[in-house]
Amino acid sequence: MDYIDFVIEYGKKLEKKKEECKSLDAFIRRAEDFPSLVAQEGLVPAMTFYYSKMEGGVSSIENVECEELINEGKGYSVYLSFLIDVLREFANLKCTTPLDCIKEVRQNEIVITRKILPILVEMKKVSNIVR
């Protein structure tokens, strides 16, 4: 699967969740901010910032409750779940937690950033469409 198909499939998950919840603002704000943060600060600092703001554990969009999506902290948690999926699929990382991913990304941050930044930008666009 190429990255456009990946983002489209994730966009379908967002649309389904939006029908149920009416608002995905906490996730959408995270999707809007992350690519710029990566460009300004780097992938590892952006990931550690999101990790520091995360509430609870990593939560996939399918498993998060509607009431939780109002909470900014849960928006970070859901976005990190998306990011872990991107890193596993397109950077061939083996990580399953944010800290493991940060450790793996540090090994080759520049190359990984170049691989995934277009995906993050597309997710930003798709999440705005779902808004």
C-alpha atoms as a PDB file:
ATOM      1  CA  MET A   1       0.000   0.000   0.000  1.00  0.00           C
ATOM      2  CA  ASP A   2       1.372   3.409  -0.874  1.00  0.00           C
ATOM      3  CA  TYR A   3       1.124   6.298   1.542  1.00  0.00           C
ATOM      4  CA  ILE A   4      -1.799   7.980  -0.204  1.00  0.00           C
ATOM      5  CA  ASP A   5      -3.874   4.806   0.147  1.00  0.00           C
ATOM      6  CA  PHE A   6      -2.769   4.534   3.771  1.00  0.00           C
ATOM      7  CA  VAL A   7      -3.925   8.071   4.539  1.00  0.00           C
ATOM      8  CA  ILE A   8      -7.196   7.560   2.664  1.00  0.00           C
ATOM      9  CA  GLU A   9      -7.908   4.428   4.716  1.00  0.00           C
ATOM     10  CA  TYR A  10      -7.176   6.324   7.913  1.00  0.00           C
ATOM     11  CA  GLY A  11      -9.400   9.135   6.665  1.00  0.00           C
ATOM     12  CA  LYS A  12     -12.236   6.618   6.312  1.00  0.00           C
ATOM     13  CA  LYS A  13     -11.720   5.635   9.958  1.00  0.00           C
ATOM     14  CA  LEU A  14     -11.912   9.315  10.902  1.00  0.00           C
ATOM     15  CA  GLU A  15     -15.137   9.789   8.921  1.00  0.00           C
ATOM     16  CA  LYS A  16     -16.690   6.775  10.622  1.00  0.00           C
ATOM     17  CA  LYS A  17     -15.674   8.065  14.048  1.00  0.00           C
ATOM     18  CA  LYS A  18     -16.967  11.542  13.198  1.00  0.00           C
ATOM     19  CA  GLU A  19     -20.408  10.108  12.384  1.00  0.00           C
ATOM     20  CA  GLU A  20     -20.427   8.592  15.858  1.00  0.00           C
ATOM     21  CA  CYS A  21     -18.819  11.452  17.780  1.00  0.00           C
ATOM     22  CA  LYS A  22     -19.608  14.620  15.806  1.00  0.00           C
ATOM     23  CA  SER A  23     -16.251  16.167  16.761  1.00  0.00           C
ATOM     24  CA  LEU A  24     -12.661  15.027  16.307  1.00  0.00           C
ATOM     25  CA  ASP A  25     -11.142  18.404  17.114  1.00  0.00           C
ATOM     26  CA  ALA A  26      -8.535  17.115  19.572  1.00  0.00           C
ATOM     27  CA  PHE A  27      -7.082  14.777  16.932  1.00  0.00           C
ATOM     28  CA  ILE A  28      -7.449  17.252  14.071  1.00  0.00           C
ATOM     29  CA  ARG A  29      -5.494  19.943  15.938  1.00  0.00           C
ATOM     30  CA  ARG A  30      -2.697  17.453  16.563  1.00  0.00           C
ATOM     31  CA  ALA A  31      -2.668  16.435  12.892  1.00  0.00           C
ATOM     32  CA  GLU A  32      -2.509  20.092  11.859  1.00  0.00           C
ATOM     33  CA  ASP A  33       0.368  20.964  14.199  1.00  0.00           C
ATOM     34  CA  PHE A  34       2.657  17.947  13.937  1.00  0.00           C
ATOM     35  CA  PRO A  35       4.174  18.429  10.442  1.00  0.00           C
ATOM     36  CA  SER A  36       5.161  22.024  11.246  1.00  0.00           C
ATOM     37  CA  LEU A  37       6.610  20.976  14.571  1.00  0.00           C
ATOM     38  CA  VAL A  38       8.685  18.294  12.831  1.00  0.00           C
ATOM     39  CA  ALA A  39       9.952  20.832  10.284  1.00  0.00           C
ATOM     40  CA  GLN A  40      10.857  23.359  12.998  1.00  0.00           C
ATOM     41  CA  GLU A  41      12.208  21.143  15.765  1.00  0.00           C
ATOM     42  CA  GLY A  42      12.853  17.700  14.281  1.00  0.00           C
ATOM     43  CA  LEU A  43      10.999  14.403  14.473  1.00  0.00           C
ATOM     44  CA  VAL A  44      12.367  13.221  17.821  1.00  0.00           C
ATOM     45  CA  PRO A  45      11.652  16.505  19.670  1.00  0.00           C
ATOM     46  CA  ALA A  46       8.155  16.606  18.138  1.00  0.00           C
ATOM     47  CA  MET A  47       7.502  13.029  19.243  1.00  0.00           C
ATOM     48  CA  THR A  48       8.767  13.636  22.774  1.00  0.00           C
ATOM     49  CA  PHE A  49       6.601  16.767  23.030  1.00  0.00           C
ATOM     50  CA  TYR A  50       3.490  14.848  21.953  1.00  0.00           C
ATOM     51  CA  TYR A  51       4.421  12.029  24.314  1.00  0.00           C
ATOM     52  CA  SER A  52       4.685  14.491  27.207  1.00  0.00           C
ATOM     53  CA  LYS A  53       1.186  15.815  26.447  1.00  0.00           C
ATOM     54  CA  MET A  54      -0.425  12.402  25.945  1.00  0.00           C
ATOM     55  CA  GLU A  55      -3.156  11.374  28.357  1.00  0.00           C
ATOM     56  CA  GLY A  56      -3.299   7.717  29.323  1.00  0.00           C
ATOM     57  CA  GLY A  57      -1.862   5.232  26.874  1.00  0.00           C
ATOM     58  CA  VAL A  58      -1.788   5.304  23.117  1.00  0.00           C
ATOM     59  CA  SER A  59      -5.332   4.955  21.755  1.00  0.00           C
ATOM     60  CA  SER A  60      -6.384   4.057  18.232  1.00  0.00           C
ATOM     61  CA  ILE A  61      -9.156   6.136  16.688  1.00  0.00           C
ATOM     62  CA  GLU A  62     -11.413   3.088  16.600  1.00  0.00           C
ATOM     63  CA  ASN A  63     -11.078   2.423  20.334  1.00  0.00           C
ATOM     64  CA  VAL A  64     -11.319   5.917  21.804  1.00  0.00           C
ATOM     65  CA  GLU A  65     -14.579   7.090  23.356  1.00  0.00           C
ATOM     66  CA  CYS A  66     -16.307  10.166  21.929  1.00  0.00           C
ATOM     67  CA  GLU A  67     -16.104  12.034  25.240  1.00  0.00           C
ATOM     68  CA  GLU A  68     -12.345  11.475  25.263  1.00  0.00           C
ATOM     69  CA  LEU A  69     -11.890  13.130  21.874  1.00  0.00           C
ATOM     70  CA  ILE A  70     -12.892  16.449  23.408  1.00  0.00           C
ATOM     71  CA  ASN A  71      -9.843  16.199  25.692  1.00  0.00           C
ATOM     72  CA  GLU A  72      -6.624  17.599  24.215  1.00  0.00           C
ATOM     73  CA  GLY A  73      -4.509  14.970  25.969  1.00  0.00           C
ATOM     74  CA  LYS A  74      -6.396  12.180  24.254  1.00  0.00           C
ATOM     75  CA  GLY A  75      -5.849  13.914  20.912  1.00  0.00           C
ATOM     76  CA  TYR A  76      -2.116  13.466  21.451  1.00  0.00           C
ATOM     77  CA  SER A  77      -2.669   9.800  22.350  1.00  0.00           C
ATOM     78  CA  VAL A  78      -4.662   9.096  19.200  1.00  0.00           C
ATOM     79  CA  TYR A  79      -2.210  10.977  16.978  1.00  0.00           C
ATOM     80  CA  LEU A  80       0.701   9.004  18.443  1.00  0.00           C
ATOM     81  CA  SER A  81      -1.157   5.799  17.572  1.00  0.00           C
ATOM     82  CA  PHE A  82      -1.426   7.015  13.976  1.00  0.00           C
ATOM     83  CA  LEU A  83       2.267   7.991  13.993  1.00  0.00           C
ATOM     84  CA  ILE A  84       3.347   4.578  15.293  1.00  0.00           C
ATOM     85  CA  ASP A  85       1.393   2.954  12.460  1.00  0.00           C
ATOM     86  CA  VAL A  86       3.117   5.252   9.946  1.00  0.00           C
ATOM     87  CA  LEU A  87       6.565   4.471  11.358  1.00  0.00           C
ATOM     88  CA  ARG A  88       5.933   0.743  11.310  1.00  0.00           C
ATOM     89  CA  GLU A  89       4.479   0.751   7.796  1.00  0.00           C
ATOM     90  CA  PHE A  90       6.729   3.236   5.994  1.00  0.00           C
ATOM     91  CA  ALA A  91       9.965   3.412   8.003  1.00  0.00           C
ATOM     92  CA  ASN A  92      10.007  -0.330   8.743  1.00  0.00           C
ATOM     93  CA  LEU A  93      10.373   0.218  12.467  1.00  0.00           C
ATOM     94  CA  LYS A  94       9.423  -2.505  14.928  1.00  0.00           C
ATOM     95  CA  CYS A  95       8.307  -0.216  17.759  1.00  0.00           C
ATOM     96  CA  THR A  96       4.935  -0.522  19.457  1.00  0.00           C
ATOM     97  CA  THR A  97       5.153   2.296  22.033  1.00  0.00           C
ATOM     98  CA  PRO A  98       6.064   5.974  21.709  1.00  0.00           C
ATOM     99  CA  LEU A  99       9.277   5.572  23.704  1.00  0.00           C
ATOM    100  CA  ASP A 100      10.406   2.587  21.648  1.00  0.00           C
ATOM    101  CA  CYS A 101       9.673   4.547  18.470  1.00  0.00           C
ATOM    102  CA  ILE A 102      11.613   7.565  19.691  1.00  0.00           C
ATOM    103  CA  LYS A 103      14.580   5.314  20.423  1.00  0.00           C
ATOM    104  CA  GLU A 104      14.417   3.730  16.966  1.00  0.00           C
ATOM    105  CA  VAL A 105      13.897   7.042  15.147  1.00  0.00           C
ATOM    106  CA  ARG A 106      17.017   8.477  16.795  1.00  0.00           C
ATOM    107  CA  GLN A 107      19.100   5.897  14.924  1.00  0.00           C
ATOM    108  CA  ASN A 108      18.242   7.416  11.549  1.00  0.00           C
ATOM    109  CA  GLU A 109      16.125  10.509  12.124  1.00  0.00           C
ATOM    110  CA  ILE A 110      16.887  12.428   8.930  1.00  0.00           C
ATOM    111  CA  VAL A 111      16.088   9.544   6.583  1.00  0.00           C
ATOM    112  CA  ILE A 112      12.943   8.592   8.515  1.00  0.00           C
ATOM    113  CA  THR A 113      11.741  12.195   8.553  1.00  0.00           C
ATOM    114  CA  ARG A 114      12.133  12.411   4.780  1.00  0.00           C
ATOM    115  CA  LYS A 115      10.153   9.200   4.374  1.00  0.00           C
ATOM    116  CA  ILE A 116       7.220  10.111   6.596  1.00  0.00           C
ATOM    117  CA  LEU A 117       6.834  13.899   6.352  1.00  0.00           C
ATOM    118  CA  PRO A 118       4.786  13.699   3.125  1.00  0.00           C
ATOM    119  CA  ILE A 119       2.457  11.235   4.883  1.00  0.00           C
ATOM    120  CA  LEU A 120       2.027  13.570   7.844  1.00  0.00           C
ATOM    121  CA  VAL A 121       1.227  16.473   5.531  1.00  0.00           C
ATOM    122  CA  GLU A 122      -1.381  14.381   3.689  1.00  0.00           C
ATOM    123  CA  MET A 123      -2.933  13.374   7.023  1.00  0.00           C
ATOM    124  CA  LYS A 124      -3.158  17.045   7.902  1.00  0.00           C
ATOM    125  CA  LYS A 125      -5.108  17.664   4.675  1.00  0.00           C
ATOM    126  CA  VAL A 126      -7.396  14.661   5.140  1.00  0.00           C
ATOM    127  CA  SER A 127      -8.149  15.480   8.754  1.00  0.00           C
ATOM    128  CA  ASN A 128      -9.168  18.990   7.703  1.00  0.00           C
ATOM    129  CA  ILE A 129     -11.513  17.533   5.102  1.00  0.00           C
ATOM    130  CA  VAL A 130     -13.135  15.363   7.786  1.00  0.00           C
ATOM    131  CA  ARG A 131     -13.498  18.359  10.087  1.00  0.00           C
END
